[in-house]
Amino acid sequence: MRISPDSPTMKLYQEFTTFNFYWDSYTIEERKKLNKDFMQKLYELG
């Protein structure tokens, strides 16, 4: 099974890897907001 780079799942995965890579550069408030946004998008994907 191939996953299209434009699929919502792949875009979310790319966002997640970027989020992890730059984790140390975020403040605690930014981390909380980004984590909340990420979890919301994950929930919406099902």
N, C-alpha and C. Protein backbone atom coordinates (compact mmCIF):
# COMPACT_ATOMS: atom_id res chain seq x y z
N MET A 1 0.84 -1.19 0.00
CA MET A 1 0.00 0.00 0.00
C MET A 1 0.88 1.25 0.00
N ARG A 2 0.62 2.14 -0.90
CA ARG A 2 1.38 3.39 -0.97
C ARG A 2 0.53 4.53 -0.42
N ILE A 3 1.21 5.43 0.27
CA ILE A 3 0.52 6.59 0.83
C ILE A 3 0.94 7.83 0.04
N SER A 4 -0.03 8.55 -0.44
CA SER A 4 0.25 9.77 -1.18
C SER A 4 0.85 10.82 -0.26
N PRO A 5 1.89 11.55 -0.72
CA PRO A 5 2.47 12.61 0.11
C PRO A 5 1.47 13.72 0.43
N ASP A 6 0.40 13.81 -0.37
CA ASP A 6 -0.60 14.85 -0.16
C ASP A 6 -1.74 14.41 0.75
N SER A 7 -1.71 13.16 1.20
CA SER A 7 -2.79 12.67 2.06
C SER A 7 -2.75 13.37 3.41
N PRO A 8 -3.90 13.53 4.05
CA PRO A 8 -3.94 14.19 5.36
C PRO A 8 -3.06 13.48 6.39
N THR A 9 -3.00 12.15 6.31
CA THR A 9 -2.19 11.38 7.25
C THR A 9 -0.71 11.72 7.08
N MET A 10 -0.26 11.77 5.84
CA MET A 10 1.15 12.06 5.57
C MET A 10 1.49 13.49 5.97
N LYS A 11 0.61 14.42 5.70
CA LYS A 11 0.85 15.82 6.09
C LYS A 11 0.95 15.94 7.60
N LEU A 12 0.09 15.22 8.32
CA LEU A 12 0.12 15.24 9.77
C LEU A 12 1.42 14.62 10.28
N TYR A 13 1.86 13.54 9.64
CA TYR A 13 3.12 12.90 10.03
C TYR A 13 4.29 13.86 9.82
N GLN A 14 4.32 14.57 8.70
CA GLN A 14 5.38 15.53 8.43
C GLN A 14 5.37 16.66 9.46
N GLU A 15 4.19 17.10 9.83
CA GLU A 15 4.06 18.15 10.84
C GLU A 15 4.58 17.64 12.19
N PHE A 16 4.25 16.39 12.50
CA PHE A 16 4.69 15.78 13.75
C PHE A 16 6.22 15.66 13.81
N THR A 17 6.85 15.23 12.72
CA THR A 17 8.31 15.08 12.73
C THR A 17 8.99 16.44 12.84
N THR A 18 8.44 17.46 12.21
CA THR A 18 8.98 18.82 12.34
C THR A 18 8.84 19.31 13.77
N PHE A 19 7.67 19.06 14.34
CA PHE A 19 7.37 19.42 15.72
C PHE A 19 8.39 18.77 16.67
N ASN A 20 8.67 17.48 16.47
CA ASN A 20 9.65 16.79 17.32
C ASN A 20 11.05 17.33 17.14
N PHE A 21 11.42 17.61 15.89
CA PHE A 21 12.77 18.09 15.60
C PHE A 21 13.06 19.42 16.29
N TYR A 22 12.08 20.30 16.31
CA TYR A 22 12.27 21.64 16.89
C TYR A 22 11.76 21.76 18.32
N TRP A 23 11.43 20.62 18.95
CA TRP A 23 10.82 20.61 20.28
C TRP A 23 11.57 21.50 21.28
N ASP A 24 12.89 21.41 21.32
CA ASP A 24 13.68 22.15 22.32
C ASP A 24 13.65 23.66 22.12
N SER A 25 13.30 24.10 20.93
CA SER A 25 13.30 25.55 20.67
C SER A 25 11.97 26.21 21.05
N TYR A 26 10.96 25.41 21.41
CA TYR A 26 9.67 25.96 21.79
C TYR A 26 9.60 26.25 23.29
N THR A 27 8.83 27.27 23.64
CA THR A 27 8.57 27.52 25.07
C THR A 27 7.51 26.53 25.54
N ILE A 28 7.32 26.45 26.83
CA ILE A 28 6.34 25.52 27.39
C ILE A 28 4.93 25.84 26.87
N GLU A 29 4.60 27.13 26.79
CA GLU A 29 3.28 27.52 26.30
C GLU A 29 3.09 27.11 24.84
N GLU A 30 4.14 27.33 24.03
CA GLU A 30 4.07 26.94 22.62
C GLU A 30 3.92 25.43 22.49
N ARG A 31 4.64 24.69 23.32
CA ARG A 31 4.56 23.22 23.28
C ARG A 31 3.15 22.74 23.60
N LYS A 32 2.55 23.35 24.63
CA LYS A 32 1.19 22.97 25.01
C LYS A 32 0.21 23.23 23.87
N LYS A 33 0.34 24.41 23.24
CA LYS A 33 -0.55 24.77 22.14
C LYS A 33 -0.34 23.84 20.94
N LEU A 34 0.92 23.61 20.57
CA LEU A 34 1.21 22.75 19.43
C LEU A 34 0.74 21.32 19.69
N ASN A 35 0.94 20.85 20.91
CA ASN A 35 0.50 19.50 21.25
C ASN A 35 -1.02 19.39 21.18
N LYS A 36 -1.71 20.40 21.69
CA LYS A 36 -3.18 20.42 21.65
C LYS A 36 -3.67 20.44 20.21
N ASP A 37 -3.05 21.30 19.36
CA ASP A 37 -3.43 21.38 17.95
C ASP A 37 -3.20 20.05 17.24
N PHE A 38 -2.05 19.42 17.54
CA PHE A 38 -1.72 18.15 16.91
C PHE A 38 -2.73 17.07 17.30
N MET A 39 -3.06 17.01 18.58
CA MET A 39 -4.02 16.01 19.05
C MET A 39 -5.41 16.24 18.44
N GLN A 40 -5.79 17.50 18.25
CA GLN A 40 -7.07 17.82 17.62
C GLN A 40 -7.09 17.34 16.17
N LYS A 41 -5.99 17.57 15.44
CA LYS A 41 -5.92 17.13 14.04
C LYS A 41 -5.95 15.60 13.97
N LEU A 42 -5.26 14.96 14.90
CA LEU A 42 -5.23 13.50 14.93
C LEU A 42 -6.64 12.96 15.20
N TYR A 43 -7.35 13.59 16.11
CA TYR A 43 -8.73 13.19 16.43
C TYR A 43 -9.63 13.35 15.20
N GLU A 44 -9.45 14.45 14.46
CA GLU A 44 -10.28 14.72 13.28
C GLU A 44 -10.03 13.69 12.17
N LEU A 45 -8.79 13.18 12.09
CA LEU A 45 -8.48 12.17 11.08
C LEU A 45 -9.17 10.84 11.39
N GLY A 46 -9.46 10.62 12.67
CA GLY A 46 -10.17 9.41 13.05
C GLY A 46 -9.24 8.42 13.61
